[in-house]
Amino acid sequence: MKIGQLLKIKGVFTPFIRMRLPPRLSYKLLKFIKAIEFEEEFFNTKFRELLQDCGKKDENGKFVLDNNGNIVLEKSDEFKKAIEELNNIEVTVPDISFTLDELQNLTLSVLDIAIIEDFIKEDANG
């Protein structure tokens, strides 16, 4: 699986980490989040390096921000290409799956289900 997809999956689960959920589901979510910590840290480190290389800085060495608070890029094309390459790095997927029964306590959109679909296995109810 590509690292960008794995981080999207984490993004689906993140809003639920402070919710009181059934113990089995809470444990699986914890295992999933812990299993991808290395990949997430790697991604974040490389992302920061790319910002350092491609972000526009003022005379004091601080990033120049646009009106929305985003860092202005001096090397926009280079940054986009590098981010695409970073997102497409293949990583090992945690051996964790969820049944629809386990996920029933979560409010998920169709898009959320599409993102986590690779981690859903059919339960007895099909």
C-alpha atoms as a PDB file:
ATOM      1  CA  MET A   1       0.000   0.000   0.000  1.00  0.00           C
ATOM      2  CA  LYS A   2       1.172   3.530  -0.650  1.00  0.00           C
ATOM      3  CA  ILE A   3       2.079   5.687   2.341  1.00  0.00           C
ATOM      4  CA  GLY A   4      -0.332   8.442   1.290  1.00  0.00           C
ATOM      5  CA  GLN A   5      -3.254   5.989   1.359  1.00  0.00           C
ATOM      6  CA  LEU A   6      -2.178   4.610   4.726  1.00  0.00           C
ATOM      7  CA  LEU A   7      -2.162   8.120   6.192  1.00  0.00           C
ATOM      8  CA  LYS A   8      -5.633   8.795   4.747  1.00  0.00           C
ATOM      9  CA  ILE A   9      -6.851   5.689   6.561  1.00  0.00           C
ATOM     10  CA  LYS A  10      -5.378   6.978   9.801  1.00  0.00           C
ATOM     11  CA  GLY A  11      -7.186  10.259   9.129  1.00  0.00           C
ATOM     12  CA  VAL A  12     -10.505   8.389   9.045  1.00  0.00           C
ATOM     13  CA  PHE A  13      -9.799   6.740  12.409  1.00  0.00           C
ATOM     14  CA  THR A  14      -8.248   9.723  14.213  1.00  0.00           C
ATOM     15  CA  PRO A  15     -11.548  11.451  15.162  1.00  0.00           C
ATOM     16  CA  PHE A  16     -12.560   8.347  17.111  1.00  0.00           C
ATOM     17  CA  ILE A  17      -9.488   7.882  19.302  1.00  0.00           C
ATOM     18  CA  ARG A  18     -10.952   9.830  22.230  1.00  0.00           C
ATOM     19  CA  MET A  19     -14.396   8.226  21.990  1.00  0.00           C
ATOM     20  CA  ARG A  20     -15.504   5.515  24.363  1.00  0.00           C
ATOM     21  CA  LEU A  21     -15.806   2.494  22.124  1.00  0.00           C
ATOM     22  CA  PRO A  22     -16.144  -1.230  22.720  1.00  0.00           C
ATOM     23  CA  PRO A  23     -12.829  -2.564  24.046  1.00  0.00           C
ATOM     24  CA  ARG A  24     -12.129  -4.810  21.028  1.00  0.00           C
ATOM     25  CA  LEU A  25     -12.540  -1.917  18.574  1.00  0.00           C
ATOM     26  CA  SER A  26     -10.525   0.464  20.770  1.00  0.00           C
ATOM     27  CA  TYR A  27      -7.708  -2.069  20.933  1.00  0.00           C
ATOM     28  CA  LYS A  28      -7.690  -2.625  17.161  1.00  0.00           C
ATOM     29  CA  LEU A  29      -7.644   1.116  16.495  1.00  0.00           C
ATOM     30  CA  LEU A  30      -4.746   1.503  18.934  1.00  0.00           C
ATOM     31  CA  LYS A  31      -2.848  -1.343  17.248  1.00  0.00           C
ATOM     32  CA  PHE A  32      -3.421   0.209  13.826  1.00  0.00           C
ATOM     33  CA  ILE A  33      -2.260   3.668  14.900  1.00  0.00           C
ATOM     34  CA  LYS A  34       0.827   2.266  16.615  1.00  0.00           C
ATOM     35  CA  ALA A  35       1.613   0.057  13.609  1.00  0.00           C
ATOM     36  CA  ILE A  36       1.887   3.034  11.259  1.00  0.00           C
ATOM     37  CA  GLU A  37       3.781   5.411  13.579  1.00  0.00           C
ATOM     38  CA  PHE A  38       7.106   4.784  11.823  1.00  0.00           C
ATOM     39  CA  GLU A  39       5.655   5.452   8.361  1.00  0.00           C
ATOM     40  CA  GLU A  40       3.896   8.581   9.586  1.00  0.00           C
ATOM     41  CA  GLU A  41       7.059   9.940  11.218  1.00  0.00           C
ATOM     42  CA  PHE A  42       9.043   9.179   8.058  1.00  0.00           C
ATOM     43  CA  PHE A  43       6.449  11.009   5.947  1.00  0.00           C
ATOM     44  CA  ASN A  44       6.366  14.027   8.277  1.00  0.00           C
ATOM     45  CA  THR A  45      10.168  14.269   8.370  1.00  0.00           C
ATOM     46  CA  LYS A  46      10.439  14.160   4.578  1.00  0.00           C
ATOM     47  CA  PHE A  47       7.583  16.673   4.245  1.00  0.00           C
ATOM     48  CA  ARG A  48       9.371  19.128   6.558  1.00  0.00           C
ATOM     49  CA  GLU A  49      12.601  18.660   4.582  1.00  0.00           C
ATOM     50  CA  LEU A  50      10.744  19.433   1.356  1.00  0.00           C
ATOM     51  CA  LEU A  51       9.274  22.584   2.887  1.00  0.00           C
ATOM     52  CA  GLN A  52      12.751  23.663   3.976  1.00  0.00           C
ATOM     53  CA  ASP A  53      14.058  23.119   0.453  1.00  0.00           C
ATOM     54  CA  CYS A  54      11.129  24.539  -1.514  1.00  0.00           C
ATOM     55  CA  GLY A  55       9.527  27.106   0.803  1.00  0.00           C
ATOM     56  CA  LYS A  56      10.158  30.801   0.292  1.00  0.00           C
ATOM     57  CA  LYS A  57      11.919  32.480   3.219  1.00  0.00           C
ATOM     58  CA  ASP A  58      12.274  36.128   4.189  1.00  0.00           C
ATOM     59  CA  GLU A  59      15.516  37.910   5.068  1.00  0.00           C
ATOM     60  CA  ASN A  60      15.316  36.457   8.608  1.00  0.00           C
ATOM     61  CA  GLY A  61      15.071  32.894   7.322  1.00  0.00           C
ATOM     62  CA  LYS A  62      11.389  32.549   8.262  1.00  0.00           C
ATOM     63  CA  PHE A  63       8.844  31.128   5.870  1.00  0.00           C
ATOM     64  CA  VAL A  64       6.784  33.614   3.855  1.00  0.00           C
ATOM     65  CA  LEU A  65       3.072  32.915   4.287  1.00  0.00           C
ATOM     66  CA  ASP A  66       0.202  33.691   1.927  1.00  0.00           C
ATOM     67  CA  ASN A  67      -3.103  35.269   3.021  1.00  0.00           C
ATOM     68  CA  ASN A  68      -4.388  31.857   4.146  1.00  0.00           C
ATOM     69  CA  GLY A  69      -1.364  31.163   6.339  1.00  0.00           C
ATOM     70  CA  ASN A  70       0.164  28.640   3.942  1.00  0.00           C
ATOM     71  CA  ILE A  71       3.876  28.620   3.163  1.00  0.00           C
ATOM     72  CA  VAL A  72       4.645  30.222  -0.184  1.00  0.00           C
ATOM     73  CA  LEU A  73       6.623  27.864  -2.404  1.00  0.00           C
ATOM     74  CA  GLU A  74       9.581  29.052  -4.469  1.00  0.00           C
ATOM     75  CA  LYS A  75       9.922  25.707  -6.199  1.00  0.00           C
ATOM     76  CA  SER A  76       6.286  24.744  -6.597  1.00  0.00           C
ATOM     77  CA  ASP A  77       6.716  22.196  -9.402  1.00  0.00           C
ATOM     78  CA  GLU A  78       9.633  20.519  -7.638  1.00  0.00           C
ATOM     79  CA  PHE A  79       7.624  20.378  -4.403  1.00  0.00           C
ATOM     80  CA  LYS A  80       4.552  18.869  -6.083  1.00  0.00           C
ATOM     81  CA  LYS A  81       6.642  16.210  -7.829  1.00  0.00           C
ATOM     82  CA  ALA A  82       8.472  15.308  -4.609  1.00  0.00           C
ATOM     83  CA  ILE A  83       5.205  15.104  -2.630  1.00  0.00           C
ATOM     84  CA  GLU A  84       3.717  12.829  -5.274  1.00  0.00           C
ATOM     85  CA  GLU A  85       6.774  10.584  -5.064  1.00  0.00           C
ATOM     86  CA  LEU A  86       6.588  10.622  -1.264  1.00  0.00           C
ATOM     87  CA  ASN A  87       2.882   9.717  -1.261  1.00  0.00           C
ATOM     88  CA  ASN A  88       3.565   6.817  -3.638  1.00  0.00           C
ATOM     89  CA  ILE A  89       6.192   5.068  -1.514  1.00  0.00           C
ATOM     90  CA  GLU A  90       5.102   1.487  -0.870  1.00  0.00           C
ATOM     91  CA  VAL A  91       4.916   0.545   2.814  1.00  0.00           C
ATOM     92  CA  THR A  92       4.055  -2.556   4.779  1.00  0.00           C
ATOM     93  CA  VAL A  93       0.427  -2.662   5.783  1.00  0.00           C
ATOM     94  CA  PRO A  94      -0.484  -3.638   9.346  1.00  0.00           C
ATOM     95  CA  ASP A  95      -2.168  -7.029   9.578  1.00  0.00           C
ATOM     96  CA  ILE A  96      -5.298  -5.621  11.180  1.00  0.00           C
ATOM     97  CA  SER A  97      -8.821  -5.822   9.854  1.00  0.00           C
ATOM     98  CA  PHE A  98     -12.244  -4.710  10.990  1.00  0.00           C
ATOM     99  CA  THR A  99     -15.666  -6.209  10.453  1.00  0.00           C
ATOM    100  CA  LEU A 100     -18.656  -4.052   9.698  1.00  0.00           C
ATOM    101  CA  ASP A 101     -20.110  -5.198  13.030  1.00  0.00           C
ATOM    102  CA  GLU A 102     -17.044  -3.803  14.823  1.00  0.00           C
ATOM    103  CA  LEU A 103     -17.333  -0.513  12.953  1.00  0.00           C
ATOM    104  CA  GLN A 104     -21.038  -0.050  13.637  1.00  0.00           C
ATOM    105  CA  ASN A 105     -20.315   2.250  16.601  1.00  0.00           C
ATOM    106  CA  LEU A 106     -18.516   4.717  14.314  1.00  0.00           C
ATOM    107  CA  THR A 107     -20.284   7.250  12.144  1.00  0.00           C
ATOM    108  CA  LEU A 108     -18.585   6.864   8.777  1.00  0.00           C
ATOM    109  CA  SER A 109     -19.376   8.449   5.448  1.00  0.00           C
ATOM    110  CA  VAL A 110     -19.359   6.546   2.164  1.00  0.00           C
ATOM    111  CA  LEU A 111     -16.014   8.220   1.428  1.00  0.00           C
ATOM    112  CA  ASP A 112     -14.653   7.052   4.813  1.00  0.00           C
ATOM    113  CA  ILE A 113     -15.705   3.484   4.025  1.00  0.00           C
ATOM    114  CA  ALA A 114     -14.079   3.729   0.583  1.00  0.00           C
ATOM    115  CA  ILE A 115     -10.819   4.879   2.174  1.00  0.00           C
ATOM    116  CA  ILE A 116     -10.706   2.074   4.767  1.00  0.00           C
ATOM    117  CA  GLU A 117     -12.236  -0.612   2.525  1.00  0.00           C
ATOM    118  CA  ASP A 118      -8.984  -2.612   2.301  1.00  0.00           C
ATOM    119  CA  PHE A 119      -9.125  -3.104   6.079  1.00  0.00           C
ATOM    120  CA  ILE A 120     -12.738  -4.269   6.211  1.00  0.00           C
ATOM    121  CA  LYS A 121     -13.462  -7.971   6.072  1.00  0.00           C
ATOM    122  CA  GLU A 122     -16.872  -9.410   5.609  1.00  0.00           C
ATOM    123  CA  ASP A 123     -18.526 -10.571   8.798  1.00  0.00           C
ATOM    124  CA  ALA A 124     -21.009 -13.402   9.197  1.00  0.00           C
ATOM    125  CA  ASN A 125     -23.854 -11.065   8.131  1.00  0.00           C
ATOM    126  CA  GLY A 126     -22.129 -10.366   4.784  1.00  0.00           C
END
